[in-house]
Amino acid sequence: MSDAFHTPASVDPRLLEVLVCPVTRGRLTWDRERQELVSKGAGLAFPIRDGVPIMLADEARKLD
């Protein structure tokens, strides 16, 4: 199995239209370098593991 399967080069724009921050219900942006979905409103970055967004506040990284 290639690494590209586990670390997508991009996120499907349709996914970004559907997913919202579980804390603020606001828009998410894709951080390609860190492989995270970012909620600027909540100050959190949600990881993507094995191609699956982990949308749990307890699993999110706090933004600087």
PDB file of N, CA and C in Angstrom:
ATOM      1  N   MET A   1       0.848  -1.172   0.000  1.00  0.00           N
ATOM      2  CA  MET A   1       0.000   0.000   0.000  1.00  0.00           C
ATOM      3  C   MET A   1       0.895   1.237   0.000  1.00  0.00           C
ATOM      4  N   SER A   2       0.578   2.185  -0.843  1.00  0.00           N
ATOM      5  CA  SER A   2       1.427   3.367  -0.937  1.00  0.00           C
ATOM      6  C   SER A   2       1.152   4.326   0.214  1.00  0.00           C
ATOM      7  N   ASP A   3       2.154   5.143   0.485  1.00  0.00           N
ATOM      8  CA  ASP A   3       2.016   6.147   1.530  1.00  0.00           C
ATOM      9  C   ASP A   3       0.979   7.190   1.140  1.00  0.00           C
ATOM     10  N   ALA A   4       0.797   7.399  -0.158  1.00  0.00           N
ATOM     11  CA  ALA A   4      -0.177   8.388  -0.626  1.00  0.00           C
ATOM     12  C   ALA A   4      -1.583   8.037  -0.155  1.00  0.00           C
ATOM     13  N   PHE A   5      -1.863   6.761   0.050  1.00  0.00           N
ATOM     14  CA  PHE A   5      -3.172   6.357   0.551  1.00  0.00           C
ATOM     15  C   PHE A   5      -3.380   6.864   1.972  1.00  0.00           C
ATOM     16  N   HIS A   6      -2.328   6.856   2.767  1.00  0.00           N
ATOM     17  CA  HIS A   6      -2.435   7.240   4.176  1.00  0.00           C
ATOM     18  C   HIS A   6      -2.293   8.743   4.405  1.00  0.00           C
ATOM     19  N   THR A   7      -1.602   9.432   3.540  1.00  0.00           N
ATOM     20  CA  THR A   7      -1.423  10.872   3.685  1.00  0.00           C
ATOM     21  C   THR A   7      -1.834  11.555   2.383  1.00  0.00           C
ATOM     22  N   PRO A   8      -3.097  11.934   2.290  1.00  0.00           N
ATOM     23  CA  PRO A   8      -3.586  12.517   1.043  1.00  0.00           C
ATOM     24  C   PRO A   8      -2.876  13.816   0.707  1.00  0.00           C
ATOM     25  N   ALA A   9      -2.654  14.033  -0.586  1.00  0.00           N
ATOM     26  CA  ALA A   9      -2.012  15.270  -1.034  1.00  0.00           C
ATOM     27  C   ALA A   9      -2.962  16.455  -0.879  1.00  0.00           C
ATOM     28  N   SER A  10      -4.255  16.178  -0.936  1.00  0.00           N
ATOM     29  CA  SER A  10      -5.242  17.234  -0.771  1.00  0.00           C
ATOM     30  C   SER A  10      -6.522  16.633  -0.209  1.00  0.00           C
ATOM     31  N   VAL A  11      -7.380  17.515   0.212  1.00  0.00           N
ATOM     32  CA  VAL A  11      -8.682  17.090   0.718  1.00  0.00           C
ATOM     33  C   VAL A  11      -9.717  17.447  -0.337  1.00  0.00           C
ATOM     34  N   ASP A  12     -10.627  16.545  -0.578  1.00  0.00           N
ATOM     35  CA  ASP A  12     -11.690  16.769  -1.548  1.00  0.00           C
ATOM     36  C   ASP A  12     -12.459  18.026  -1.145  1.00  0.00           C
ATOM     37  N   PRO A  13     -12.569  18.997  -2.031  1.00  0.00           N
ATOM     38  CA  PRO A  13     -13.293  20.237  -1.695  1.00  0.00           C
ATOM     39  C   PRO A  13     -14.726  19.987  -1.242  1.00  0.00           C
ATOM     40  N   ARG A  14     -15.352  18.926  -1.760  1.00  0.00           N
ATOM     41  CA  ARG A  14     -16.722  18.609  -1.328  1.00  0.00           C
ATOM     42  C   ARG A  14     -16.745  18.231   0.151  1.00  0.00           C
ATOM     43  N   LEU A  15     -15.671  17.586   0.621  1.00  0.00           N
ATOM     44  CA  LEU A  15     -15.579  17.231   2.037  1.00  0.00           C
ATOM     45  C   LEU A  15     -15.505  18.496   2.893  1.00  0.00           C
ATOM     46  N   LEU A  16     -14.735  19.476   2.434  1.00  0.00           N
ATOM     47  CA  LEU A  16     -14.630  20.733   3.181  1.00  0.00           C
ATOM     48  C   LEU A  16     -15.954  21.491   3.210  1.00  0.00           C
ATOM     49  N   GLU A  17     -16.791  21.287   2.202  1.00  0.00           N
ATOM     50  CA  GLU A  17     -18.107  21.932   2.193  1.00  0.00           C
ATOM     51  C   GLU A  17     -19.047  21.306   3.213  1.00  0.00           C
ATOM     52  N   VAL A  18     -18.856  20.022   3.497  1.00  0.00           N
ATOM     53  CA  VAL A  18     -19.755  19.282   4.382  1.00  0.00           C
ATOM     54  C   VAL A  18     -19.291  19.330   5.838  1.00  0.00           C
ATOM     55  N   LEU A  19     -17.994  19.170   6.058  1.00  0.00           N
ATOM     56  CA  LEU A  19     -17.475  19.145   7.428  1.00  0.00           C
ATOM     57  C   LEU A  19     -17.440  20.543   8.020  1.00  0.00           C
ATOM     58  N   VAL A  20     -17.775  20.628   9.292  1.00  0.00           N
ATOM     59  CA  VAL A  20     -17.671  21.880  10.035  1.00  0.00           C
ATOM     60  C   VAL A  20     -16.960  21.590  11.351  1.00  0.00           C
ATOM     61  N   CYS A  21     -16.470  22.621  11.964  1.00  0.00           N
ATOM     62  CA  CYS A  21     -15.825  22.486  13.262  1.00  0.00           C
ATOM     63  C   CYS A  21     -16.865  21.996  14.274  1.00  0.00           C
ATOM     64  N   PRO A  22     -16.552  20.953  15.032  1.00  0.00           N
ATOM     65  CA  PRO A  22     -17.510  20.462  16.016  1.00  0.00           C
ATOM     66  C   PRO A  22     -17.696  21.406  17.204  1.00  0.00           C
ATOM     67  N   VAL A  23     -16.805  22.367  17.363  1.00  0.00           N
ATOM     68  CA  VAL A  23     -16.897  23.309  18.483  1.00  0.00           C
ATOM     69  C   VAL A  23     -17.710  24.540  18.089  1.00  0.00           C
ATOM     70  N   THR A  24     -17.355  25.157  16.961  1.00  0.00           N
ATOM     71  CA  THR A  24     -17.989  26.416  16.554  1.00  0.00           C
ATOM     72  C   THR A  24     -19.023  26.260  15.445  1.00  0.00           C
ATOM     73  N   ARG A  25     -19.038  25.101  14.790  1.00  0.00           N
ATOM     74  CA  ARG A  25     -19.874  24.849  13.608  1.00  0.00           C
ATOM     75  C   ARG A  25     -19.446  25.739  12.444  1.00  0.00           C
ATOM     76  N   GLY A  26     -18.210  26.246  12.535  1.00  0.00           N
ATOM     77  CA  GLY A  26     -17.681  27.128  11.500  1.00  0.00           C
ATOM     78  C   GLY A  26     -16.900  26.380  10.432  1.00  0.00           C
ATOM     79  N   ARG A  27     -16.419  27.132   9.481  1.00  0.00           N
ATOM     80  CA  ARG A  27     -15.678  26.624   8.322  1.00  0.00           C
ATOM     81  C   ARG A  27     -14.313  26.072   8.731  1.00  0.00           C
ATOM     82  N   LEU A  28     -13.883  25.042   8.004  1.00  0.00           N
ATOM     83  CA  LEU A  28     -12.562  24.451   8.200  1.00  0.00           C
ATOM     84  C   LEU A  28     -11.707  24.715   6.957  1.00  0.00           C
ATOM     85  N   THR A  29     -10.414  24.866   7.169  1.00  0.00           N
ATOM     86  CA  THR A  29      -9.481  24.984   6.058  1.00  0.00           C
ATOM     87  C   THR A  29      -8.483  23.839   6.139  1.00  0.00           C
ATOM     88  N   TRP A  30      -7.898  23.502   5.003  1.00  0.00           N
ATOM     89  CA  TRP A  30      -6.981  22.375   4.887  1.00  0.00           C
ATOM     90  C   TRP A  30      -5.544  22.868   4.985  1.00  0.00           C
ATOM     91  N   ASP A  31      -4.796  22.340   5.944  1.00  0.00           N
ATOM     92  CA  ASP A  31      -3.360  22.618   6.062  1.00  0.00           C
ATOM     93  C   ASP A  31      -2.629  21.405   5.500  1.00  0.00           C
ATOM     94  N   ARG A  32      -2.198  21.524   4.254  1.00  0.00           N
ATOM     95  CA  ARG A  32      -1.569  20.403   3.557  1.00  0.00           C
ATOM     96  C   ARG A  32      -0.272  19.966   4.226  1.00  0.00           C
ATOM     97  N   GLU A  33       0.531  20.921   4.651  1.00  0.00           N
ATOM     98  CA  GLU A  33       1.832  20.619   5.258  1.00  0.00           C
ATOM     99  C   GLU A  33       1.692  19.770   6.522  1.00  0.00           C
ATOM    100  N   ARG A  34       0.736  20.113   7.354  1.00  0.00           N
ATOM    101  CA  ARG A  34       0.551  19.395   8.626  1.00  0.00           C
ATOM    102  C   ARG A  34      -0.504  18.294   8.561  1.00  0.00           C
ATOM    103  N   GLN A  35      -1.190  18.188   7.418  1.00  0.00           N
ATOM    104  CA  GLN A  35      -2.241  17.177   7.255  1.00  0.00           C
ATOM    105  C   GLN A  35      -3.327  17.342   8.329  1.00  0.00           C
ATOM    106  N   GLU A  36      -3.872  18.564   8.400  1.00  0.00           N
ATOM    107  CA  GLU A  36      -4.879  18.886   9.416  1.00  0.00           C
ATOM    108  C   GLU A  36      -5.989  19.736   8.809  1.00  0.00           C
ATOM    109  N   LEU A  37      -7.146  19.648   9.430  1.00  0.00           N
ATOM    110  CA  LEU A  37      -8.245  20.560   9.133  1.00  0.00           C
ATOM    111  C   LEU A  37      -8.256  21.602  10.244  1.00  0.00           C
ATOM    112  N   VAL A  38      -8.198  22.868   9.862  1.00  0.00           N
ATOM    113  CA  VAL A  38      -8.018  23.951  10.823  1.00  0.00           C
ATOM    114  C   VAL A  38      -9.300  24.754  11.004  1.00  0.00           C
ATOM    115  N   SER A  39      -9.635  24.968  12.274  1.00  0.00           N
ATOM    116  CA  SER A  39     -10.742  25.849  12.636  1.00  0.00           C
ATOM    117  C   SER A  39     -10.139  27.074  13.305  1.00  0.00           C
ATOM    118  N   LYS A  40     -10.062  28.160  12.561  1.00  0.00           N
ATOM    119  CA  LYS A  40      -9.491  29.393  13.127  1.00  0.00           C
ATOM    120  C   LYS A  40     -10.381  29.941  14.231  1.00  0.00           C
ATOM    121  N   GLY A  41     -11.687  29.775  14.088  1.00  0.00           N
ATOM    122  CA  GLY A  41     -12.630  30.265  15.094  1.00  0.00           C
ATOM    123  C   GLY A  41     -12.444  29.608  16.446  1.00  0.00           C
ATOM    124  N   ALA A  42     -12.173  28.309  16.443  1.00  0.00           N
ATOM    125  CA  ALA A  42     -11.979  27.564  17.693  1.00  0.00           C
ATOM    126  C   ALA A  42     -10.511  27.540  18.114  1.00  0.00           C
ATOM    127  N   GLY A  43      -9.620  27.911  17.196  1.00  0.00           N
ATOM    128  CA  GLY A  43      -8.195  27.855  17.498  1.00  0.00           C
ATOM    129  C   GLY A  43      -7.695  26.417  17.608  1.00  0.00           C
ATOM    130  N   LEU A  44      -8.274  25.523  16.792  1.00  0.00           N
ATOM    131  CA  LEU A  44      -7.929  24.103  16.842  1.00  0.00           C
ATOM    132  C   LEU A  44      -7.604  23.567  15.454  1.00  0.00           C
ATOM    133  N   ALA A  45      -6.761  22.543  15.429  1.00  0.00           N
ATOM    134  CA  ALA A  45      -6.437  21.842  14.196  1.00  0.00           C
ATOM    135  C   ALA A  45      -6.733  20.361  14.402  1.00  0.00           C
ATOM    136  N   PHE A  46      -7.591  19.826  13.557  1.00  0.00           N
ATOM    137  CA  PHE A  46      -8.024  18.432  13.670  1.00  0.00           C
ATOM    138  C   PHE A  46      -7.178  17.551  12.753  1.00  0.00           C
ATOM    139  N   PRO A  47      -6.588  16.497  13.280  1.00  0.00           N
ATOM    140  CA  PRO A  47      -5.703  15.660  12.470  1.00  0.00           C
ATOM    141  C   PRO A  47      -6.471  14.779  11.488  1.00  0.00           C
ATOM    142  N   ILE A  48      -5.766  14.371  10.462  1.00  0.00           N
ATOM    143  CA  ILE A  48      -6.286  13.373   9.531  1.00  0.00           C
ATOM    144  C   ILE A  48      -5.382  12.162   9.662  1.00  0.00           C
ATOM    145  N   ARG A  49      -5.957  11.047  10.069  1.00  0.00           N
ATOM    146  CA  ARG A  49      -5.196   9.812  10.283  1.00  0.00           C
ATOM    147  C   ARG A  49      -5.709   8.739   9.332  1.00  0.00           C
ATOM    148  N   ASP A  50      -4.794   8.164   8.590  1.00  0.00           N
ATOM    149  CA  ASP A  50      -5.145   7.125   7.614  1.00  0.00           C
ATOM    150  C   ASP A  50      -6.270   7.593   6.692  1.00  0.00           C
ATOM    151  N   GLY A  51      -6.244   8.878   6.335  1.00  0.00           N
ATOM    152  CA  GLY A  51      -7.233   9.425   5.425  1.00  0.00           C
ATOM    153  C   GLY A  51      -8.557   9.787   6.054  1.00  0.00           C
ATOM    154  N   VAL A  52      -8.663   9.654   7.381  1.00  0.00           N
ATOM    155  CA  VAL A  52      -9.929   9.917   8.075  1.00  0.00           C
ATOM    156  C   VAL A  52      -9.779  11.147   8.987  1.00  0.00           C
ATOM    157  N   PRO A  53     -10.606  12.178   8.795  1.00  0.00           N
ATOM    158  CA  PRO A  53     -10.560  13.333   9.692  1.00  0.00           C
ATOM    159  C   PRO A  53     -11.029  12.931  11.094  1.00  0.00           C
ATOM    160  N   ILE A  54     -10.244  13.287  12.083  1.00  0.00           N
ATOM    161  CA  ILE A  54     -10.592  13.013  13.486  1.00  0.00           C
ATOM    162  C   ILE A  54     -11.191  14.301  14.046  1.00  0.00           C
ATOM    163  N   MET A  55     -12.516  14.350  14.087  1.00  0.00           N
ATOM    164  CA  MET A  55     -13.225  15.574  14.440  1.00  0.00           C
ATOM    165  C   MET A  55     -13.624  15.609  15.915  1.00  0.00           C
ATOM    166  N   LEU A  56     -12.707  15.274  16.776  1.00  0.00           N
ATOM    167  CA  LEU A  56     -12.937  15.296  18.219  1.00  0.00           C
ATOM    168  C   LEU A  56     -12.087  16.403  18.834  1.00  0.00           C
ATOM    169  N   ALA A  57     -12.720  17.272  19.615  1.00  0.00           N
ATOM    170  CA  ALA A  57     -12.000  18.384  20.226  1.00  0.00           C
ATOM    171  C   ALA A  57     -10.849  17.891  21.106  1.00  0.00           C
ATOM    172  N   ASP A  58     -11.035  16.751  21.759  1.00  0.00           N
ATOM    173  CA  ASP A  58      -9.985  16.202  22.619  1.00  0.00           C
ATOM    174  C   ASP A  58      -8.758  15.742  21.839  1.00  0.00           C
ATOM    175  N   GLU A  59      -8.927  15.443  20.565  1.00  0.00           N
ATOM    176  CA  GLU A  59      -7.835  14.984  19.704  1.00  0.00           C
ATOM    177  C   GLU A  59      -7.181  16.133  18.932  1.00  0.00           C
ATOM    178  N   ALA A  60      -7.782  17.308  18.965  1.00  0.00           N
ATOM    179  CA  ALA A  60      -7.287  18.444  18.189  1.00  0.00           C
ATOM    180  C   ALA A  60      -6.079  19.097  18.854  1.00  0.00           C
ATOM    181  N   ARG A  61      -5.256  19.689  17.996  1.00  0.00           N
ATOM    182  CA  ARG A  61      -4.086  20.443  18.456  1.00  0.00           C
ATOM    183  C   ARG A  61      -4.493  21.914  18.589  1.00  0.00           C
ATOM    184  N   LYS A  62      -4.087  22.553  19.678  1.00  0.00           N
ATOM    185  CA  LYS A  62      -4.377  23.968  19.865  1.00  0.00           C
ATOM    186  C   LYS A  62      -3.420  24.775  18.996  1.00  0.00           C
ATOM    187  N   LEU A  63      -3.977  25.769  18.300  1.00  0.00           N
ATOM    188  CA  LEU A  63      -3.166  26.632  17.461  1.00  0.00           C
ATOM    189  C   LEU A  63      -2.405  27.627  18.298  1.00  0.00           C
ATOM    190  N   ASP A  64      -1.250  28.005  17.797  1.00  0.00           N
ATOM    191  CA  ASP A  64      -0.401  28.991  18.523  1.00  0.00           C
ATOM    192  C   ASP A  64      -0.973  30.372  18.450  1.00  0.00           C
TER     193      ASP A  64
END
